[in-house]
Amino acid sequence: VQLQASGGGLVQAGGSLRLSCKASGMILSVFTSEVPAWYRQAPGKQRELVARISSGNSANYADSVKGRFSISKDNSKRTVYLQMNDLKPEDTADYYCQTSSYWGRGTLVTVSS
């Protein structure tokens, strides 16, 4: 199983990005029961949980992104998304997707002021 994250980039403050993470090699029944999450790590800081979505599509968010970010998943595509709106310079970080013991490579999000 490999988690392939994409969608990062450079955006101005107030802008939006959508990150995607595809779980290649994971069978549908397993993905459906997973609880995938997005983490981020800014330079010089510890990795932190951004959002997580349960198998029943219940989501929880870090306080710093509530109301701006939205996590969702498409089981048929084995893909989890992170819609990021009203981005702020402090959202600049490498973003990682995770499920069970699997981690994707980071995708860099840079928000300019």
C-alpha atoms as a PDB file:
ATOM      1  CA  VAL A   1       0.000   0.000   0.000  1.00  0.00           C
ATOM      2  CA  GLN A   2       1.228   3.488  -0.873  1.00  0.00           C
ATOM      3  CA  LEU A   3      -0.329   6.810   0.008  1.00  0.00           C
ATOM      4  CA  GLN A   4       0.170   9.341  -2.773  1.00  0.00           C
ATOM      5  CA  ALA A   5      -0.489  12.921  -1.747  1.00  0.00           C
ATOM      6  CA  SER A   6      -0.822  15.793  -4.178  1.00  0.00           C
ATOM      7  CA  GLY A   7      -2.271  19.261  -4.531  1.00  0.00           C
ATOM      8  CA  GLY A   8       0.169  21.412  -2.619  1.00  0.00           C
ATOM      9  CA  GLY A   9       1.498  24.659  -4.000  1.00  0.00           C
ATOM     10  CA  LEU A  10       1.953  28.364  -3.534  1.00  0.00           C
ATOM     11  CA  VAL A  11      -1.127  30.450  -2.826  1.00  0.00           C
ATOM     12  CA  GLN A  12      -1.822  33.938  -1.533  1.00  0.00           C
ATOM     13  CA  ALA A  13      -3.426  34.481   1.830  1.00  0.00           C
ATOM     14  CA  GLY A  14      -7.176  34.066   1.562  1.00  0.00           C
ATOM     15  CA  GLY A  15      -6.857  31.569  -1.250  1.00  0.00           C
ATOM     16  CA  SER A  16      -7.809  27.906  -1.455  1.00  0.00           C
ATOM     17  CA  LEU A  17      -6.186  24.575  -2.222  1.00  0.00           C
ATOM     18  CA  ARG A  18      -7.440  21.008  -2.277  1.00  0.00           C
ATOM     19  CA  LEU A  19      -5.111  18.216  -1.272  1.00  0.00           C
ATOM     20  CA  SER A  20      -5.706  14.644  -2.394  1.00  0.00           C
ATOM     21  CA  CYS A  21      -4.314  11.392  -1.043  1.00  0.00           C
ATOM     22  CA  LYS A  22      -4.847   8.123  -2.879  1.00  0.00           C
ATOM     23  CA  ALA A  23      -4.302   4.811  -1.144  1.00  0.00           C
ATOM     24  CA  SER A  24      -2.867   2.718  -3.956  1.00  0.00           C
ATOM     25  CA  GLY A  25      -2.951  -1.002  -3.425  1.00  0.00           C
ATOM     26  CA  MET A  26      -5.551  -0.900  -0.661  1.00  0.00           C
ATOM     27  CA  ILE A  27      -8.642  -2.995  -1.265  1.00  0.00           C
ATOM     28  CA  LEU A  28     -11.987  -1.265  -1.031  1.00  0.00           C
ATOM     29  CA  SER A  29     -13.260  -3.057   2.048  1.00  0.00           C
ATOM     30  CA  VAL A  30     -10.152  -2.099   3.979  1.00  0.00           C
ATOM     31  CA  PHE A  31     -10.178   1.534   2.869  1.00  0.00           C
ATOM     32  CA  THR A  32     -13.836   1.845   3.786  1.00  0.00           C
ATOM     33  CA  SER A  33     -13.063   0.920   7.379  1.00  0.00           C
ATOM     34  CA  GLU A  34     -10.008   3.159   7.655  1.00  0.00           C
ATOM     35  CA  VAL A  35      -9.812   6.394   9.612  1.00  0.00           C
ATOM     36  CA  PRO A  36      -7.548   8.547   7.437  1.00  0.00           C
ATOM     37  CA  ALA A  37      -6.051  11.806   8.595  1.00  0.00           C
ATOM     38  CA  TRP A  38      -4.048  14.793   7.452  1.00  0.00           C
ATOM     39  CA  TYR A  39      -1.111  16.073   9.457  1.00  0.00           C
ATOM     40  CA  ARG A  40       1.184  19.000   8.854  1.00  0.00           C
ATOM     41  CA  GLN A  41       4.646  20.010   9.910  1.00  0.00           C
ATOM     42  CA  ALA A  42       5.918  23.548   9.673  1.00  0.00           C
ATOM     43  CA  PRO A  43       9.654  24.327   9.728  1.00  0.00           C
ATOM     44  CA  GLY A  44      11.031  23.987  13.241  1.00  0.00           C
ATOM     45  CA  LYS A  45       7.755  22.664  14.634  1.00  0.00           C
ATOM     46  CA  GLN A  46       6.356  19.282  15.566  1.00  0.00           C
ATOM     47  CA  ARG A  47       4.005  17.428  13.289  1.00  0.00           C
ATOM     48  CA  GLU A  48       0.397  18.122  14.236  1.00  0.00           C
ATOM     49  CA  LEU A  49      -2.952  16.598  13.410  1.00  0.00           C
ATOM     50  CA  VAL A  50      -5.008  18.776  11.082  1.00  0.00           C
ATOM     51  CA  ALA A  51      -8.099  16.665  10.439  1.00  0.00           C
ATOM     52  CA  ARG A  52      -9.347  13.098  10.667  1.00  0.00           C
ATOM     53  CA  ILE A  53     -12.397  11.397   9.213  1.00  0.00           C
ATOM     54  CA  SER A  54     -13.973   8.229  10.551  1.00  0.00           C
ATOM     55  CA  SER A  55     -15.359   5.330   8.582  1.00  0.00           C
ATOM     56  CA  GLY A  56     -18.796   6.844   9.203  1.00  0.00           C
ATOM     57  CA  ASN A  57     -17.670  10.204   7.799  1.00  0.00           C
ATOM     58  CA  SER A  58     -17.505  11.923  11.157  1.00  0.00           C
ATOM     59  CA  ALA A  59     -14.715  14.499  11.072  1.00  0.00           C
ATOM     60  CA  ASN A  60     -12.692  16.312  13.666  1.00  0.00           C
ATOM     61  CA  TYR A  61     -10.345  19.226  13.190  1.00  0.00           C
ATOM     62  CA  ALA A  62      -7.570  21.098  14.894  1.00  0.00           C
ATOM     63  CA  ASP A  63      -8.908  24.295  16.434  1.00  0.00           C
ATOM     64  CA  SER A  64      -6.672  26.358  14.176  1.00  0.00           C
ATOM     65  CA  VAL A  65      -8.414  25.133  11.003  1.00  0.00           C
ATOM     66  CA  LYS A  66     -12.018  24.725  12.114  1.00  0.00           C
ATOM     67  CA  GLY A  67     -14.399  26.499   9.783  1.00  0.00           C
ATOM     68  CA  ARG A  68     -11.741  26.816   7.061  1.00  0.00           C
ATOM     69  CA  PHE A  69     -10.700  23.249   6.241  1.00  0.00           C
ATOM     70  CA  SER A  70     -12.873  20.294   5.322  1.00  0.00           C
ATOM     71  CA  ILE A  71     -11.863  16.638   5.106  1.00  0.00           C
ATOM     72  CA  SER A  72     -13.749  14.168   2.975  1.00  0.00           C
ATOM     73  CA  LYS A  73     -13.198  10.836   1.289  1.00  0.00           C
ATOM     74  CA  ASP A  74     -14.323   8.938  -1.765  1.00  0.00           C
ATOM     75  CA  ASN A  75     -14.201   5.261  -0.933  1.00  0.00           C
ATOM     76  CA  SER A  76     -14.648   4.182  -4.543  1.00  0.00           C
ATOM     77  CA  LYS A  77     -11.473   6.076  -5.436  1.00  0.00           C
ATOM     78  CA  ARG A  78      -9.621   5.134  -2.222  1.00  0.00           C
ATOM     79  CA  THR A  79      -8.945   8.841  -1.878  1.00  0.00           C
ATOM     80  CA  VAL A  80      -9.149  11.310   0.985  1.00  0.00           C
ATOM     81  CA  TYR A  81      -9.289  15.050   0.396  1.00  0.00           C
ATOM     82  CA  LEU A  82      -8.506  18.163   2.369  1.00  0.00           C
ATOM     83  CA  GLN A  83     -10.229  21.290   1.129  1.00  0.00           C
ATOM     84  CA  MET A  84      -8.432  24.319   2.536  1.00  0.00           C
ATOM     85  CA  ASN A  85     -10.109  27.712   2.305  1.00  0.00           C
ATOM     86  CA  ASP A  86      -9.160  31.143   3.600  1.00  0.00           C
ATOM     87  CA  LEU A  87      -5.548  30.053   3.863  1.00  0.00           C
ATOM     88  CA  LYS A  88      -3.235  31.972   6.157  1.00  0.00           C
ATOM     89  CA  PRO A  89       0.564  32.281   6.193  1.00  0.00           C
ATOM     90  CA  GLU A  90       0.611  30.168   9.361  1.00  0.00           C
ATOM     91  CA  ASP A  91      -0.861  27.277   7.350  1.00  0.00           C
ATOM     92  CA  THR A  92       2.450  27.007   5.501  1.00  0.00           C
ATOM     93  CA  ALA A  93       3.770  23.489   6.079  1.00  0.00           C
ATOM     94  CA  ASP A  94       4.386  20.079   4.621  1.00  0.00           C
ATOM     95  CA  TYR A  95       1.084  18.219   4.679  1.00  0.00           C
ATOM     96  CA  TYR A  96       1.031  14.445   5.168  1.00  0.00           C
ATOM     97  CA  CYS A  97      -1.760  11.937   4.832  1.00  0.00           C
ATOM     98  CA  GLN A  98      -1.900   8.942   7.131  1.00  0.00           C
ATOM     99  CA  THR A  99      -4.026   5.878   7.676  1.00  0.00           C
ATOM    100  CA  SER A 100      -3.220   2.937   9.949  1.00  0.00           C
ATOM    101  CA  SER A 101       0.550   2.467   9.743  1.00  0.00           C
ATOM    102  CA  TYR A 102       0.834   4.117   6.340  1.00  0.00           C
ATOM    103  CA  TRP A 103       2.160   7.610   5.684  1.00  0.00           C
ATOM    104  CA  GLY A 104       2.353   9.478   2.432  1.00  0.00           C
ATOM    105  CA  ARG A 105       5.129  11.795   1.415  1.00  0.00           C
ATOM    106  CA  GLY A 106       4.549  15.401   2.268  1.00  0.00           C
ATOM    107  CA  THR A 107       3.065  17.883  -0.127  1.00  0.00           C
ATOM    108  CA  LEU A 108       4.216  21.436   0.490  1.00  0.00           C
ATOM    109  CA  VAL A 109       1.714  24.212   1.007  1.00  0.00           C
ATOM    110  CA  THR A 110       3.099  27.729   1.015  1.00  0.00           C
ATOM    111  CA  VAL A 111       0.834  30.673   1.801  1.00  0.00           C
ATOM    112  CA  SER A 112       2.188  34.113   1.032  1.00  0.00           C
ATOM    113  CA  SER A 113       1.000  37.222   2.823  1.00  0.00           C
END
